[in-house]
């Protein structure tokens, strides 16, 4: 977790999925951004590679992410 300002927090992590329909495994990183107001989360947003995720779900080839 990284606090970037008084009301903004970033959390990094990894998702790992197995899609039964396509038989593919998928592992990728993400960043979640939270806005805090009065000690409560008032907004959240996730940043992930949704195109690669959708391709793995549908059984299409999934290229490695660019470094």
N, C-alpha and C. Protein backbone atom coordinates (compact mmCIF):
# COMPACT_ATOMS: atom_id res chain seq x y z
N UNK A 1 0.85 -1.17 0.00
CA UNK A 1 0.00 0.00 0.00
C UNK A 1 0.90 1.23 0.00
N UNK A 2 0.52 2.20 -0.80
CA UNK A 2 1.24 3.46 -0.88
C UNK A 2 0.26 4.61 -0.77
N UNK A 3 0.45 5.46 0.22
CA UNK A 3 -0.39 6.65 0.33
C UNK A 3 0.24 7.73 -0.52
N UNK A 4 -0.48 8.20 -1.54
CA UNK A 4 0.09 9.19 -2.46
C UNK A 4 -0.34 10.61 -2.12
N UNK A 5 -1.37 10.76 -1.31
CA UNK A 5 -1.80 12.06 -0.82
C UNK A 5 -2.68 11.81 0.40
N UNK A 6 -3.20 12.87 0.99
CA UNK A 6 -4.01 12.72 2.19
C UNK A 6 -5.26 11.88 1.96
N UNK A 7 -5.74 11.86 0.72
CA UNK A 7 -6.99 11.13 0.46
C UNK A 7 -6.88 10.06 -0.64
N UNK A 8 -5.66 9.73 -1.08
CA UNK A 8 -5.47 8.75 -2.15
C UNK A 8 -4.51 7.65 -1.70
N UNK A 9 -4.91 6.41 -1.94
CA UNK A 9 -4.08 5.24 -1.60
C UNK A 9 -4.01 4.33 -2.82
N UNK A 10 -2.82 3.81 -3.11
CA UNK A 10 -2.63 2.82 -4.18
C UNK A 10 -2.26 1.48 -3.57
N UNK A 11 -2.84 0.42 -4.11
CA UNK A 11 -2.54 -0.94 -3.68
C UNK A 11 -2.16 -1.73 -4.92
N UNK A 12 -1.01 -2.40 -4.90
CA UNK A 12 -0.59 -3.24 -6.02
C UNK A 12 -0.74 -4.70 -5.64
N UNK A 13 -0.93 -5.54 -6.64
CA UNK A 13 -1.06 -6.96 -6.38
C UNK A 13 -1.10 -7.76 -7.67
N UNK A 14 -1.44 -9.03 -7.53
CA UNK A 14 -1.53 -9.93 -8.68
C UNK A 14 -2.84 -10.71 -8.60
N UNK A 15 -3.42 -10.96 -9.76
CA UNK A 15 -4.56 -11.85 -9.88
C UNK A 15 -4.09 -13.12 -10.56
N UNK A 16 -4.60 -14.25 -10.14
CA UNK A 16 -4.34 -15.52 -10.81
C UNK A 16 -5.70 -16.19 -11.04
N UNK A 17 -5.98 -16.52 -12.28
CA UNK A 17 -7.25 -17.11 -12.67
C UNK A 17 -7.02 -18.44 -13.39
N UNK A 18 -8.00 -19.31 -13.33
CA UNK A 18 -8.08 -20.46 -14.22
C UNK A 18 -9.47 -20.43 -14.82
N UNK A 19 -9.54 -20.36 -16.14
CA UNK A 19 -10.83 -20.30 -16.83
C UNK A 19 -11.21 -21.71 -17.27
N UNK A 20 -12.24 -22.26 -16.66
CA UNK A 20 -12.66 -23.63 -16.97
C UNK A 20 -13.09 -23.76 -18.43
N UNK A 21 -13.78 -22.75 -18.96
CA UNK A 21 -14.27 -22.82 -20.33
C UNK A 21 -13.17 -22.90 -21.37
N UNK A 22 -12.12 -22.11 -21.19
CA UNK A 22 -11.02 -22.10 -22.16
C UNK A 22 -9.88 -23.01 -21.74
N UNK A 23 -9.85 -23.38 -20.46
CA UNK A 23 -8.76 -24.21 -19.95
C UNK A 23 -7.46 -23.44 -19.73
N UNK A 24 -7.51 -22.12 -19.88
CA UNK A 24 -6.30 -21.31 -19.76
C UNK A 24 -6.12 -20.76 -18.35
N UNK A 25 -4.86 -20.63 -17.96
CA UNK A 25 -4.49 -19.95 -16.73
C UNK A 25 -4.06 -18.54 -17.08
N UNK A 26 -4.30 -17.61 -16.18
CA UNK A 26 -3.96 -16.21 -16.42
C UNK A 26 -3.44 -15.62 -15.12
N UNK A 27 -2.32 -14.94 -15.19
CA UNK A 27 -1.72 -14.30 -14.02
C UNK A 27 -1.24 -12.92 -14.46
N UNK A 28 -1.66 -11.89 -13.75
CA UNK A 28 -1.28 -10.54 -14.15
C UNK A 28 -1.34 -9.61 -12.95
N UNK A 29 -0.64 -8.49 -13.05
CA UNK A 29 -0.63 -7.51 -11.99
C UNK A 29 -1.78 -6.51 -12.11
N UNK A 30 -2.01 -5.80 -11.02
CA UNK A 30 -3.04 -4.77 -11.01
C UNK A 30 -2.63 -3.67 -10.04
N UNK A 31 -3.28 -2.53 -10.19
CA UNK A 31 -3.18 -1.43 -9.24
C UNK A 31 -4.60 -1.01 -8.91
N UNK A 32 -4.90 -0.87 -7.62
CA UNK A 32 -6.20 -0.35 -7.19
C UNK A 32 -5.96 1.01 -6.56
N UNK A 33 -6.78 1.98 -6.94
CA UNK A 33 -6.69 3.33 -6.37
C UNK A 33 -7.94 3.58 -5.54
N UNK A 34 -7.73 4.00 -4.31
CA UNK A 34 -8.85 4.30 -3.41
C UNK A 34 -8.80 5.77 -3.03
N UNK A 35 -9.99 6.38 -2.96
CA UNK A 35 -10.13 7.72 -2.42
C UNK A 35 -10.80 7.58 -1.06
N UNK A 36 -10.22 8.22 -0.06
CA UNK A 36 -10.70 8.12 1.31
C UNK A 36 -11.22 9.48 1.75
N UNK A 37 -12.40 9.48 2.38
CA UNK A 37 -12.96 10.72 2.92
C UNK A 37 -13.62 10.39 4.25
N UNK A 38 -13.19 11.03 5.29
CA UNK A 38 -13.77 10.78 6.61
C UNK A 38 -13.53 9.36 7.09
N UNK A 39 -12.42 8.76 6.67
CA UNK A 39 -12.09 7.40 7.10
C UNK A 39 -12.82 6.31 6.32
N UNK A 40 -13.57 6.69 5.30
CA UNK A 40 -14.31 5.71 4.49
C UNK A 40 -13.87 5.78 3.03
N UNK A 41 -13.92 4.63 2.36
CA UNK A 41 -13.63 4.60 0.92
C UNK A 41 -14.82 5.21 0.18
N UNK A 42 -14.56 6.26 -0.57
CA UNK A 42 -15.63 6.92 -1.31
C UNK A 42 -15.55 6.64 -2.81
N UNK A 43 -14.39 6.14 -3.25
CA UNK A 43 -14.22 5.82 -4.67
C UNK A 43 -13.12 4.78 -4.80
N UNK A 44 -13.30 3.84 -5.70
CA UNK A 44 -12.24 2.87 -5.98
C UNK A 44 -12.18 2.65 -7.48
N UNK A 45 -10.97 2.36 -7.94
CA UNK A 45 -10.77 2.12 -9.37
C UNK A 45 -9.66 1.08 -9.52
N UNK A 46 -9.87 0.14 -10.43
CA UNK A 46 -8.86 -0.88 -10.67
C UNK A 46 -8.24 -0.68 -12.05
N UNK A 47 -6.95 -0.87 -12.12
CA UNK A 47 -6.22 -0.78 -13.38
C UNK A 47 -5.60 -2.14 -13.63
N UNK A 48 -6.01 -2.78 -14.72
CA UNK A 48 -5.52 -4.11 -15.08
C UNK A 48 -5.52 -4.23 -16.60
N UNK A 49 -4.91 -5.27 -17.11
CA UNK A 49 -4.88 -5.49 -18.55
C UNK A 49 -6.13 -6.27 -18.95
N UNK A 50 -7.22 -5.56 -19.11
CA UNK A 50 -8.51 -6.21 -19.37
C UNK A 50 -8.57 -6.88 -20.74
N UNK A 51 -7.80 -6.43 -21.71
CA UNK A 51 -7.79 -7.08 -23.02
C UNK A 51 -7.18 -8.48 -22.90
N UNK A 52 -6.03 -8.59 -22.23
CA UNK A 52 -5.41 -9.91 -22.03
C UNK A 52 -6.34 -10.82 -21.23
N UNK A 53 -7.00 -10.27 -20.22
CA UNK A 53 -7.93 -11.03 -19.40
C UNK A 53 -9.08 -11.56 -20.25
N UNK A 54 -9.66 -10.72 -21.09
CA UNK A 54 -10.77 -11.13 -21.95
C UNK A 54 -10.32 -12.20 -22.95
N UNK A 55 -9.11 -12.04 -23.48
CA UNK A 55 -8.61 -13.05 -24.43
C UNK A 55 -8.41 -14.40 -23.75
N UNK A 56 -7.86 -14.41 -22.54
CA UNK A 56 -7.68 -15.67 -21.83
C UNK A 56 -9.04 -16.31 -21.54
N UNK A 57 -10.02 -15.51 -21.16
CA UNK A 57 -11.36 -16.00 -20.87
C UNK A 57 -11.99 -16.67 -22.10
N UNK A 58 -11.77 -16.05 -23.27
CA UNK A 58 -12.39 -16.56 -24.48
C UNK A 58 -11.56 -17.64 -25.20
N UNK A 59 -10.35 -17.91 -24.68
CA UNK A 59 -9.52 -18.97 -25.26
C UNK A 59 -8.59 -18.48 -26.35
N UNK A 60 -8.52 -17.16 -26.59
CA UNK A 60 -7.58 -16.64 -27.58
C UNK A 60 -6.16 -16.67 -27.03
N UNK A 61 -5.16 -16.70 -27.92
CA UNK A 61 -3.77 -16.64 -27.44
C UNK A 61 -3.53 -15.36 -26.66
N UNK A 62 -2.76 -15.49 -25.59
CA UNK A 62 -2.47 -14.32 -24.73
C UNK A 62 -0.97 -14.09 -24.75
N UNK A 63 -0.57 -12.96 -25.32
CA UNK A 63 0.86 -12.61 -25.35
C UNK A 63 1.30 -12.12 -23.98
N UNK A 64 2.57 -12.28 -23.71
CA UNK A 64 3.14 -11.74 -22.47
C UNK A 64 3.06 -10.22 -22.50
N UNK A 65 2.87 -9.60 -21.34
CA UNK A 65 2.80 -8.13 -21.33
C UNK A 65 4.17 -7.53 -21.67
N UNK A 66 4.14 -6.33 -22.24
CA UNK A 66 5.39 -5.63 -22.56
C UNK A 66 6.08 -5.24 -21.26
N UNK A 67 7.38 -5.34 -21.27
CA UNK A 67 8.14 -5.01 -20.04
C UNK A 67 8.32 -3.52 -19.90
